[in-house]
Protein backbone atom coordinates (compact mmCIF):
# COMPACT_ATOMS: atom_id res chain seq x y z
CA MET A 1 6.46 -22.45 -12.35
CA ASP A 2 5.88 -21.10 -15.27
CA LYS A 3 7.55 -18.50 -16.99
CA LEU A 4 6.63 -14.88 -16.09
CA THR A 5 5.11 -13.02 -19.32
CA LYS A 6 6.55 -9.51 -19.88
CA LYS A 7 4.56 -7.57 -17.74
CA GLU A 8 5.00 -9.83 -14.62
CA GLU A 9 8.27 -9.62 -15.43
CA GLU A 10 8.33 -5.85 -15.37
CA VAL A 11 6.26 -5.46 -12.45
CA MET A 12 8.76 -8.01 -10.56
CA LYS A 13 12.10 -6.03 -11.10
CA ILE A 14 10.70 -3.05 -9.75
CA LEU A 15 9.56 -4.99 -6.76
CA TRP A 16 12.95 -6.45 -6.36
CA LYS A 17 14.86 -3.14 -7.09
CA LEU A 18 12.17 -1.70 -3.98
CA GLN A 19 12.44 -5.06 -2.16
CA LYS A 20 8.76 -4.16 -0.88
CA GLY A 21 6.10 -1.29 -1.55
CA PHE A 22 2.52 0.06 -2.87
CA VAL A 23 1.33 -0.08 -5.81
CA LYS A 24 1.03 3.42 -6.35
CA ASP A 25 5.12 2.91 -5.31
CA ILE A 26 5.47 0.37 -8.54
CA LEU A 27 4.25 2.58 -11.05
CA ALA A 28 6.04 5.47 -9.69
CA GLU A 29 8.83 3.13 -11.16
CA PHE A 30 7.48 2.80 -14.93
CA PRO A 31 8.71 5.44 -17.68
CA ASP A 32 5.94 7.64 -19.11
CA PRO A 33 3.81 6.67 -20.58
CA LYS A 34 3.19 4.84 -17.39
CA PRO A 35 0.25 2.11 -17.66
CA PRO A 36 -3.41 2.38 -15.61
CA TYR A 37 -3.29 1.92 -11.75
CA ASN A 38 -5.88 -0.34 -11.76
CA THR A 39 -3.61 -2.79 -15.16
CA ILE A 40 -0.72 -2.60 -12.17
CA SER A 41 -2.91 -3.21 -9.27
CA SER A 42 -4.78 -6.42 -11.01
CA MET A 43 -0.63 -7.66 -12.06
CA VAL A 44 0.53 -7.30 -8.99
CA ARG A 45 -2.79 -9.23 -7.49
CA ILE A 46 -2.22 -12.37 -9.74
CA LEU A 47 1.66 -12.20 -9.37
CA GLN A 48 0.24 -13.14 -5.41
CA GLU A 49 -1.93 -15.77 -6.53
CA LYS A 50 1.19 -17.96 -8.25
CA GLY A 51 2.82 -17.27 -4.54
CA ILE A 52 5.67 -15.31 -5.91
CA VAL A 53 4.13 -11.90 -4.21
CA GLY A 54 3.34 -11.34 -1.23
CA TYR A 55 1.96 -8.25 0.91
CA LYS A 56 0.92 -7.22 3.82
CA GLN A 57 -3.04 -5.66 4.63
CA TYR A 58 -2.94 -2.03 6.18
CA GLY A 59 -6.21 -1.31 6.18
CA ASN A 60 -7.33 -1.06 3.09
CA THR A 61 -4.02 -0.83 1.96
CA TYR A 62 -1.53 -3.58 0.58
CA GLU A 63 2.02 -3.46 1.02
CA TYR A 64 3.71 -6.38 -1.79
CA PHE A 65 6.66 -7.74 -1.57
CA PRO A 66 8.83 -10.60 -3.46
CA LEU A 67 8.90 -14.00 -1.69
CA LEU A 68 10.48 -15.40 -5.33
CA THR A 69 14.17 -13.79 -4.93
CA LYS A 70 15.66 -12.73 -8.59
CA GLU A 71 18.56 -15.10 -8.27
CA ALA A 72 15.82 -18.08 -8.09
CA TYR A 73 13.88 -16.86 -11.15
CA ARG A 74 17.01 -16.22 -13.04
CA GLN A 75 17.85 -19.66 -12.23
CA ARG A 76 15.07 -21.42 -13.60
CA TYR A 77 15.28 -18.81 -17.02
CA MET A 78 17.69 -20.09 -17.33
CA LYS A 79 17.49 -23.90 -16.23
CA ALA A 80 14.64 -23.73 -19.07
CA LEU A 81 16.28 -21.86 -21.57
CA ILE A 82 19.20 -23.64 -21.51
CA SER A 83 16.57 -27.37 -21.61
CA ASP A 84 14.37 -25.28 -24.39
CA TYR A 85 16.80 -23.94 -26.56
CA PHE A 86 19.70 -25.47 -26.67
CA ASP A 87 19.22 -29.25 -25.89
CA ASN A 88 19.88 -29.06 -22.02
CA SER A 89 23.45 -28.00 -23.37
CA PHE A 90 25.59 -25.60 -21.29
CA SER A 91 28.65 -25.76 -23.72
CA LYS A 92 26.38 -25.31 -26.38
CA ALA A 93 24.66 -21.96 -24.44
CA VAL A 94 27.96 -20.63 -23.51
CA ALA A 95 29.62 -21.50 -27.51
CA SER A 96 25.90 -19.47 -28.40
CA PHE A 97 26.92 -16.05 -26.81
CA ILE A 98 30.52 -16.17 -27.29
CA ASP A 99 29.63 -16.68 -31.62
CA GLU A 100 26.79 -14.15 -31.59
CA GLU A 101 27.64 -11.53 -28.88
CA GLN A 102 31.43 -11.30 -29.82
CA LEU A 103 32.77 -11.48 -26.45
CA ASP A 104 36.48 -9.51 -25.70
CA GLN A 105 38.87 -11.32 -24.25
CA LYS A 106 38.29 -9.67 -21.33
CA GLU A 107 35.21 -11.65 -20.82
CA ILE A 108 36.29 -14.55 -21.81
CA ASP A 109 39.28 -14.81 -19.34
CA GLU A 110 36.65 -13.77 -16.58
CA ILE A 111 34.33 -16.75 -18.01
CA LEU A 112 37.30 -19.01 -17.84
CA LYS A 113 38.20 -17.87 -14.61
CA LEU A 114 34.64 -18.87 -13.06
CA ILE A 115 34.88 -22.50 -14.55
CA ARG A 116 38.05 -22.95 -13.36
CA SER A 117 37.17 -21.96 -9.88
CA LYS A 118 34.12 -24.80 -10.18
């Protein structure tokens, strides 16, 4: 699966939050100025064609729901990110976050606790 575009991610974040919804429900979650209804409808159909979104039909209306969980997408995205930008090195990725984000001691302790628990 390819990485989702920014617009596809926006739609998926809304669907993950709603768990299911019609295009009008998804559109209602967008901040103003809202994109056109047809744009969101097209995007949801593209996600459906990619096998990322499923649907249930009620007459001429479709209720959409995510087939890909947020956690599964995050795992795929992070693996690709670490592979593409950190030479497949998790330690380089963590070091980058530590250097650039200037983590406080509490966050560092939480990371160490997670590492030790694994």
